[in-house]
C-alpha atoms as a PDB file:
ATOM      1  CA  MET A   1     192.856  58.769  -2.721  1.00  0.00           C
ATOM      2  CA  ALA A   2     188.949  57.009  -2.638  1.00  0.00           C
ATOM      3  CA  ASP A   3     188.215  59.913  -5.552  1.00  0.00           C
ATOM      4  CA  MET A   4     191.273  59.103  -7.298  1.00  0.00           C
ATOM      5  CA  LEU A   5     190.980  55.325  -7.401  1.00  0.00           C
ATOM      6  CA  ASP A   6     187.378  56.008  -8.575  1.00  0.00           C
ATOM      7  CA  LEU A   7     188.515  57.546 -11.673  1.00  0.00           C
ATOM      8  CA  CYS A   8     191.429  54.963 -12.302  1.00  0.00           C
ATOM      9  CA  ALA A   9     188.565  52.576 -12.202  1.00  0.00           C
ATOM     10  CA  SER A  10     186.127  54.509 -14.865  1.00  0.00           C
ATOM     11  CA  CYS A  11     189.538  54.550 -16.644  1.00  0.00           C
ATOM     12  CA  GLY A  12     190.413  51.013 -17.331  1.00  0.00           C
ATOM     13  CA  GLU A  13     192.900  48.378 -15.400  1.00  0.00           C
ATOM     14  CA  ASN A  14     196.248  50.131 -16.969  1.00  0.00           C
ATOM     15  CA  VAL A  15     195.376  53.476 -14.338  1.00  0.00           C
ATOM     16  CA  GLY A  16     196.802  53.481 -11.195  1.00  0.00           C
ATOM     17  CA  ILE A  17     197.812  56.226  -8.388  1.00  0.00           C
ATOM     18  CA  LEU A  18     201.209  57.651  -7.092  1.00  0.00           C
ATOM     19  CA  LEU A  19     200.985  57.532  -3.283  1.00  0.00           C
ATOM     20  CA  ASP A  20     203.115  59.520  -1.783  1.00  0.00           C
ATOM     21  CA  SER A  21     203.628  58.324   2.301  1.00  0.00           C
ATOM     22  CA  TRP A  22     204.185  61.649   3.594  1.00  0.00           C
ATOM     23  CA  HIS A  23     200.794  62.835   2.260  1.00  0.00           C
ATOM     24  CA  TRP A  24     198.491  59.885   2.763  1.00  0.00           C
ATOM     25  CA  HIS A  25     199.685  60.001   6.417  1.00  0.00           C
ATOM     26  CA  HIS A  26     198.879  63.592   6.666  1.00  0.00           C
ATOM     27  CA  ASP A  27     195.172  63.533   5.773  1.00  0.00           C
ATOM     28  CA  PRO A  28     192.940  62.896   8.652  1.00  0.00           C
ATOM     29  CA  ASP A  29     191.127  60.010   6.420  1.00  0.00           C
ATOM     30  CA  ALA A  30     194.055  58.121   6.163  1.00  0.00           C
ATOM     31  CA  THR A  31     194.165  54.097   7.283  1.00  0.00           C
ATOM     32  CA  VAL A  32     196.424  51.837   6.654  1.00  0.00           C
ATOM     33  CA  ASP A  33     192.670  49.429   4.674  1.00  0.00           C
ATOM     34  CA  SER A  34     193.228  52.493   2.711  1.00  0.00           C
ATOM     35  CA  ILE A  35     195.943  51.909   1.094  1.00  0.00           C
ATOM     36  CA  LEU A  36     195.862  47.880   1.609  1.00  0.00           C
ATOM     37  CA  ASN A  37     191.666  47.843   0.153  1.00  0.00           C
ATOM     38  CA  ALA A  38     193.235  50.287  -3.015  1.00  0.00           C
ATOM     39  CA  GLY A  39     194.885  46.965  -4.563  1.00  0.00           C
ATOM     40  CA  ARG A  40     198.337  46.590  -5.485  1.00  0.00           C
ATOM     41  CA  HIS A  41     197.265  46.881  -9.597  1.00  0.00           C
ATOM     42  CA  ARG A  42     196.232  50.565  -8.378  1.00  0.00           C
ATOM     43  CA  ILE A  43     198.952  51.534  -6.779  1.00  0.00           C
ATOM     44  CA  VAL A  44     201.836  52.014  -9.364  1.00  0.00           C
ATOM     45  CA  HIS A  45     204.543  54.044  -7.720  1.00  0.00           C
ATOM     46  CA  VAL A  46     205.121  55.354  -3.746  1.00  0.00           C
ATOM     47  CA  HIS A  47     207.451  58.196  -2.953  1.00  0.00           C
ATOM     48  CA  LEU A  48     208.616  57.080   0.402  1.00  0.00           C
ATOM     49  CA  ASN A  49     209.394  59.578   3.288  1.00  0.00           C
ATOM     50  CA  ASP A  50     208.480  60.266   6.416  1.00  0.00           C
ATOM     51  CA  ALA A  51     207.173  62.412   9.186  1.00  0.00           C
ATOM     52  CA  ALA A  52     207.664  64.143  12.986  1.00  0.00           C
ATOM     53  CA  ASP A  53     205.264  63.064  15.396  1.00  0.00           C
ATOM     54  CA  LEU A  54     203.831  66.397  15.546  1.00  0.00           C
ATOM     55  CA  PRO A  55     200.281  68.292  16.415  1.00  0.00           C
ATOM     56  CA  SER A  56     198.994  69.101  12.615  1.00  0.00           C
ATOM     57  CA  GLU A  57     199.300  73.089  12.907  1.00  0.00           C
ATOM     58  CA  GLN A  58     203.445  72.582  13.069  1.00  0.00           C
ATOM     59  CA  ILE A  59     203.178  70.191  10.370  1.00  0.00           C
ATOM     60  CA  ARG A  60     205.750  71.520   6.943  1.00  0.00           C
ATOM     61  CA  ASP A  61     205.699  70.291   3.743  1.00  0.00           C
ATOM     62  CA  GLU A  62     209.472  71.051   3.465  1.00  0.00           C
ATOM     63  CA  GLN A  63     210.590  69.138   6.544  1.00  0.00           C
ATOM     64  CA  ARG A  64     210.207  65.516   6.133  1.00  0.00           C
ATOM     65  CA  LEU A  65     212.742  63.074   7.197  1.00  0.00           C
ATOM     66  CA  LEU A  66     214.302  59.701   5.751  1.00  0.00           C
ATOM     67  CA  PRO A  67     212.017  56.361   5.823  1.00  0.00           C
ATOM     68  CA  GLY A  68     212.140  55.079   9.181  1.00  0.00           C
ATOM     69  CA  GLU A  69     213.312  58.371  11.426  1.00  0.00           C
ATOM     70  CA  GLY A  70     209.923  59.523  12.180  1.00  0.00           C
ATOM     71  CA  VAL A  71     206.112  57.605  12.378  1.00  0.00           C
ATOM     72  CA  ILE A  72     205.009  56.585   9.308  1.00  0.00           C
ATOM     73  CA  ARG A  73     205.276  52.307   9.166  1.00  0.00           C
ATOM     74  CA  GLN A  74     205.460  50.027   6.036  1.00  0.00           C
ATOM     75  CA  ALA A  75     201.733  49.193   5.122  1.00  0.00           C
ATOM     76  CA  GLY A  76     203.360  46.209   2.873  1.00  0.00           C
ATOM     77  CA  TYR A  77     204.004  47.983  -0.668  1.00  0.00           C
ATOM     78  CA  THR A  78     207.212  46.404  -2.280  1.00  0.00           C
ATOM     79  CA  GLU A  79     207.050  47.302  -5.593  1.00  0.00           C
ATOM     80  CA  ALA A  80     208.547  50.528  -7.051  1.00  0.00           C
ATOM     81  CA  VAL A  81     209.705  53.816  -5.009  1.00  0.00           C
ATOM     82  CA  SER A  82     211.214  56.733  -5.068  1.00  0.00           C
ATOM     83  CA  PRO A  83     211.868  58.567  -1.649  1.00  0.00           C
ATOM     84  CA  GLU A  84     211.364  62.198  -1.789  1.00  0.00           C
ATOM     85  CA  ILE A  85     212.393  63.830   1.298  1.00  0.00           C
ATOM     86  CA  PHE A  86     212.635  67.643   1.807  1.00  0.00           C
ATOM     87  CA  GLY A  87     214.522  69.754   4.038  1.00  0.00           C
ATOM     88  CA  ARG A  88     216.630  66.832   5.811  1.00  0.00           C
ATOM     89  CA  LEU A  89     219.075  66.595   3.248  1.00  0.00           C
ATOM     90  CA  GLU A  90     219.896  70.173   3.117  1.00  0.00           C
ATOM     91  CA  GLY A  91     223.189  71.056   2.550  1.00  0.00           C
ATOM     92  CA  VAL A  92     224.137  67.446   2.018  1.00  0.00           C
ATOM     93  CA  LEU A  93     226.138  66.560  -0.846  1.00  0.00           C
ATOM     94  CA  PRO A  94     223.792  65.463  -4.106  1.00  0.00           C
ATOM     95  CA  ASP A  95     225.427  61.734  -3.621  1.00  0.00           C
ATOM     96  CA  ASP A  96     225.517  61.469   0.075  1.00  0.00           C
ATOM     97  CA  ALA A  97     221.487  62.657   0.455  1.00  0.00           C
ATOM     98  CA  ALA A  98     220.654  59.448  -2.485  1.00  0.00           C
ATOM     99  CA  ARG A  99     222.771  57.009  -0.756  1.00  0.00           C
ATOM    100  CA  GLN A 100     221.092  58.253   2.794  1.00  0.00           C
ATOM    101  CA  ALA A 101     218.090  57.481   0.903  1.00  0.00           C
ATOM    102  CA  LEU A 102     218.964  54.547  -0.018  1.00  0.00           C
ATOM    103  CA  GLU A 103     219.898  52.745   2.809  1.00  0.00           C
ATOM    104  CA  ALA A 104     216.833  54.501   4.639  1.00  0.00           C
ATOM    105  CA  SER A 105     214.494  52.917   2.012  1.00  0.00           C
ATOM    106  CA  ARG A 106     216.439  49.346   2.512  1.00  0.00           C
ATOM    107  CA  ARG A 107     215.947  49.659   6.394  1.00  0.00           C
ATOM    108  CA  ILE A 108     212.699  49.787   6.566  1.00  0.00           C
ATOM    109  CA  LEU A 109     211.931  47.457   3.243  1.00  0.00           C
ATOM    110  CA  THR A 110     213.458  44.611   4.194  1.00  0.00           C
END
């Protein structure tokens, strides 16, 4: 994240990053302060998802949870987000999956 933020800064004021909460959570160097220190103007979008409380060797990218179902907690971001859930809603009709993701996102963002 720090390297990407440096790249953004070198490109100018109108360049930012997409922060994926799942990848951020599994980065051993990530902290809530790293998000807060990035500044709201540099985080332009967030992929919102959650993760189970598992040892790192059991983590699977395709097993993301709905926001609020796992261990990732809110860090005060209030701009654009997209729920990005892999595996959790498999077999659910698209309209129902979208509704569940929206409702889960609203619960943790309000």
